Amino acid sequence: MTRSLKAGIAFAAALAFGLPGGALAHTPVCACYDNGDGSVLCEGGFSDGATAAGVAMLVRDAGGATLIAGAIDANGEFEFEKPDGFADVLFDGGEGHQIVIPAAQIY
């Protein structure tokens, strides 16, 4: 897990624990990065430090159709080759634990 994702998890945890009752203590955290070689690396986890291994990851087109389906691995990563016309990446940890990352926000 990269330093930037760890910092993001720490920030989300601080934010979650600052809320009354720790209401968001298990907030999903996911970021995707363009590797510059035609591939994208996504890193995911939860704000309380829980692993996201096995969490479904979907690469979708503008209509919501799945182009690539996979899962976060034991290292908290999901990597894929960028398909033509992909619109977003969905971290699907279940209801209330989903993050959509638009392709335009992957640098």
C-alpha atoms as a PDB file:
ATOM      1  CA  MET A   1       0.000   0.000   0.000  1.00  0.00           C
ATOM      2  CA  THR A   2       1.465   3.373  -0.959  1.00  0.00           C
ATOM      3  CA  ARG A   3       2.143   6.246   1.372  1.00  0.00           C
ATOM      4  CA  SER A   4      -0.622   8.332  -0.269  1.00  0.00           C
ATOM      5  CA  LEU A   5      -3.272   5.659   0.330  1.00  0.00           C
ATOM      6  CA  LYS A   6      -2.098   5.197   3.926  1.00  0.00           C
ATOM      7  CA  ALA A   7      -2.375   8.959   4.428  1.00  0.00           C
ATOM      8  CA  GLY A   8      -5.869   8.901   2.922  1.00  0.00           C
ATOM      9  CA  ILE A   9      -6.922   6.082   5.223  1.00  0.00           C
ATOM     10  CA  ALA A  10      -5.503   7.914   8.234  1.00  0.00           C
ATOM     11  CA  PHE A  11      -7.369  11.089   7.230  1.00  0.00           C
ATOM     12  CA  ALA A  12     -10.630   9.183   6.727  1.00  0.00           C
ATOM     13  CA  ALA A  13     -10.168   7.459  10.082  1.00  0.00           C
ATOM     14  CA  ALA A  14      -9.555  10.778  11.827  1.00  0.00           C
ATOM     15  CA  LEU A  15     -12.641  12.187  10.166  1.00  0.00           C
ATOM     16  CA  ALA A  16     -14.731   9.133  11.047  1.00  0.00           C
ATOM     17  CA  PHE A  17     -13.674   8.991  14.667  1.00  0.00           C
ATOM     18  CA  GLY A  18     -14.329  12.708  15.028  1.00  0.00           C
ATOM     19  CA  LEU A  19     -18.014  12.155  14.325  1.00  0.00           C
ATOM     20  CA  PRO A  20     -20.461  11.418  17.142  1.00  0.00           C
ATOM     21  CA  GLY A  21     -20.424   7.702  17.908  1.00  0.00           C
ATOM     22  CA  GLY A  22     -17.756   7.023  15.258  1.00  0.00           C
ATOM     23  CA  ALA A  23     -20.577   6.689  12.742  1.00  0.00           C
ATOM     24  CA  LEU A  24     -18.216   6.261   9.796  1.00  0.00           C
ATOM     25  CA  ALA A  25     -15.525   4.153  11.447  1.00  0.00           C
ATOM     26  CA  HIS A  26     -15.564   1.580   8.611  1.00  0.00           C
ATOM     27  CA  THR A  27     -15.459   3.953   5.646  1.00  0.00           C
ATOM     28  CA  PRO A  28     -14.181   2.552   2.340  1.00  0.00           C
ATOM     29  CA  VAL A  29     -11.096   4.225   0.872  1.00  0.00           C
ATOM     30  CA  CYS A  30     -10.017   3.686  -2.733  1.00  0.00           C
ATOM     31  CA  ALA A  31      -7.824   5.567  -5.198  1.00  0.00           C
ATOM     32  CA  CYS A  32      -6.700   4.721  -8.722  1.00  0.00           C
ATOM     33  CA  TYR A  33      -3.555   5.849 -10.520  1.00  0.00           C
ATOM     34  CA  ASP A  34      -2.563   5.796 -14.197  1.00  0.00           C
ATOM     35  CA  ASN A  35       0.738   3.905 -14.431  1.00  0.00           C
ATOM     36  CA  GLY A  36       1.585   5.649 -17.710  1.00  0.00           C
ATOM     37  CA  ASP A  37       1.990   2.328 -19.536  1.00  0.00           C
ATOM     38  CA  GLY A  38      -1.643   1.632 -20.449  1.00  0.00           C
ATOM     39  CA  SER A  39      -2.486   0.184 -17.052  1.00  0.00           C
ATOM     40  CA  VAL A  40      -4.205   1.507 -13.940  1.00  0.00           C
ATOM     41  CA  LEU A  41      -3.452   0.590 -10.320  1.00  0.00           C
ATOM     42  CA  CYS A  42      -6.204   0.928  -7.719  1.00  0.00           C
ATOM     43  CA  GLU A  43      -5.563   0.659  -3.999  1.00  0.00           C
ATOM     44  CA  GLY A  44      -8.352   0.081  -1.532  1.00  0.00           C
ATOM     45  CA  GLY A  45      -9.031  -0.520   2.113  1.00  0.00           C
ATOM     46  CA  PHE A  46     -11.150   0.689   5.000  1.00  0.00           C
ATOM     47  CA  SER A  47     -10.603   3.628   7.322  1.00  0.00           C
ATOM     48  CA  ASP A  48     -10.403   1.399  10.398  1.00  0.00           C
ATOM     49  CA  GLY A  49      -7.502  -0.554   8.869  1.00  0.00           C
ATOM     50  CA  ALA A  50      -9.641  -3.539   7.829  1.00  0.00           C
ATOM     51  CA  THR A  51      -8.476  -5.285   4.677  1.00  0.00           C
ATOM     52  CA  ALA A  52     -10.399  -4.893   1.443  1.00  0.00           C
ATOM     53  CA  ALA A  53      -9.029  -8.164   0.044  1.00  0.00           C
ATOM     54  CA  GLY A  54     -11.750  -9.787  -2.024  1.00  0.00           C
ATOM     55  CA  VAL A  55     -13.793  -6.606  -2.495  1.00  0.00           C
ATOM     56  CA  ALA A  56     -15.243  -6.544  -6.019  1.00  0.00           C
ATOM     57  CA  MET A  57     -13.798  -4.046  -8.491  1.00  0.00           C
ATOM     58  CA  LEU A  58     -15.642  -3.277 -11.720  1.00  0.00           C
ATOM     59  CA  VAL A  59     -14.337  -1.277 -14.679  1.00  0.00           C
ATOM     60  CA  ARG A  60     -17.401   0.067 -16.466  1.00  0.00           C
ATOM     61  CA  ASP A  61     -18.362   1.929 -19.624  1.00  0.00           C
ATOM     62  CA  ALA A  62     -20.559   5.057 -19.774  1.00  0.00           C
ATOM     63  CA  GLY A  63     -23.705   2.916 -19.840  1.00  0.00           C
ATOM     64  CA  GLY A  64     -22.717   1.062 -16.665  1.00  0.00           C
ATOM     65  CA  ALA A  65     -21.831  -2.185 -18.448  1.00  0.00           C
ATOM     66  CA  THR A  66     -18.952  -4.103 -16.882  1.00  0.00           C
ATOM     67  CA  LEU A  67     -15.842  -4.202 -19.079  1.00  0.00           C
ATOM     68  CA  ILE A  68     -13.539  -5.829 -16.502  1.00  0.00           C
ATOM     69  CA  ALA A  69     -14.429  -7.547 -13.232  1.00  0.00           C
ATOM     70  CA  GLY A  70     -11.904  -8.342 -10.544  1.00  0.00           C
ATOM     71  CA  ALA A  71     -11.179  -7.942  -6.849  1.00  0.00           C
ATOM     72  CA  ILE A  72      -8.792  -6.244  -4.466  1.00  0.00           C
ATOM     73  CA  ASP A  73      -5.887  -8.617  -3.752  1.00  0.00           C
ATOM     74  CA  ALA A  74      -4.184  -9.433  -0.437  1.00  0.00           C
ATOM     75  CA  ASN A  75      -1.921  -6.387  -0.886  1.00  0.00           C
ATOM     76  CA  GLY A  76      -4.921  -4.041  -1.188  1.00  0.00           C
ATOM     77  CA  GLU A  77      -4.429  -3.614  -4.948  1.00  0.00           C
ATOM     78  CA  PHE A  78      -6.310  -4.138  -8.196  1.00  0.00           C
ATOM     79  CA  GLU A  79      -4.518  -3.516 -11.501  1.00  0.00           C
ATOM     80  CA  PHE A  80      -5.989  -3.580 -14.988  1.00  0.00           C
ATOM     81  CA  GLU A  81      -5.173  -2.671 -18.591  1.00  0.00           C
ATOM     82  CA  LYS A  82      -7.197   0.394 -19.627  1.00  0.00           C
ATOM     83  CA  PRO A  83      -9.923  -0.673 -22.044  1.00  0.00           C
ATOM     84  CA  ASP A  84     -11.102   1.750 -24.727  1.00  0.00           C
ATOM     85  CA  GLY A  85     -14.080   3.793 -23.616  1.00  0.00           C
ATOM     86  CA  PHE A  86     -13.999   2.995 -19.922  1.00  0.00           C
ATOM     87  CA  ALA A  87     -15.889   5.555 -17.848  1.00  0.00           C
ATOM     88  CA  ASP A  88     -15.293   4.613 -14.217  1.00  0.00           C
ATOM     89  CA  VAL A  89     -14.091   2.111 -11.655  1.00  0.00           C
ATOM     90  CA  LEU A  90     -16.418   0.838  -8.925  1.00  0.00           C
ATOM     91  CA  PHE A  91     -15.074  -0.331  -5.547  1.00  0.00           C
ATOM     92  CA  ASP A  92     -18.046  -2.463  -4.476  1.00  0.00           C
ATOM     93  CA  GLY A  93     -17.805  -3.339  -0.793  1.00  0.00           C
ATOM     94  CA  GLY A  94     -21.588  -3.683  -0.536  1.00  0.00           C
ATOM     95  CA  GLU A  95     -24.332  -1.224   0.308  1.00  0.00           C
ATOM     96  CA  GLY A  96     -22.900   1.876   1.950  1.00  0.00           C
ATOM     97  CA  HIS A  97     -19.368   0.774   1.058  1.00  0.00           C
ATOM     98  CA  GLN A  98     -19.136   1.739  -2.619  1.00  0.00           C
ATOM     99  CA  ILE A  99     -16.853   4.240  -4.289  1.00  0.00           C
ATOM    100  CA  VAL A 100     -17.081   5.280  -7.937  1.00  0.00           C
ATOM    101  CA  ILE A 101     -13.891   6.710  -9.422  1.00  0.00           C
ATOM    102  CA  PRO A 102     -14.517   8.465 -12.766  1.00  0.00           C
ATOM    103  CA  ALA A 103     -11.890   7.788 -15.453  1.00  0.00           C
ATOM    104  CA  ALA A 104     -11.335  11.564 -15.717  1.00  0.00           C
ATOM    105  CA  GLN A 105     -10.081  11.563 -12.110  1.00  0.00           C
ATOM    106  CA  ILE A 106      -7.450   8.862 -12.664  1.00  0.00           C
ATOM    107  CA  TYR A 107      -4.045  10.508 -13.172  1.00  0.00           C
END
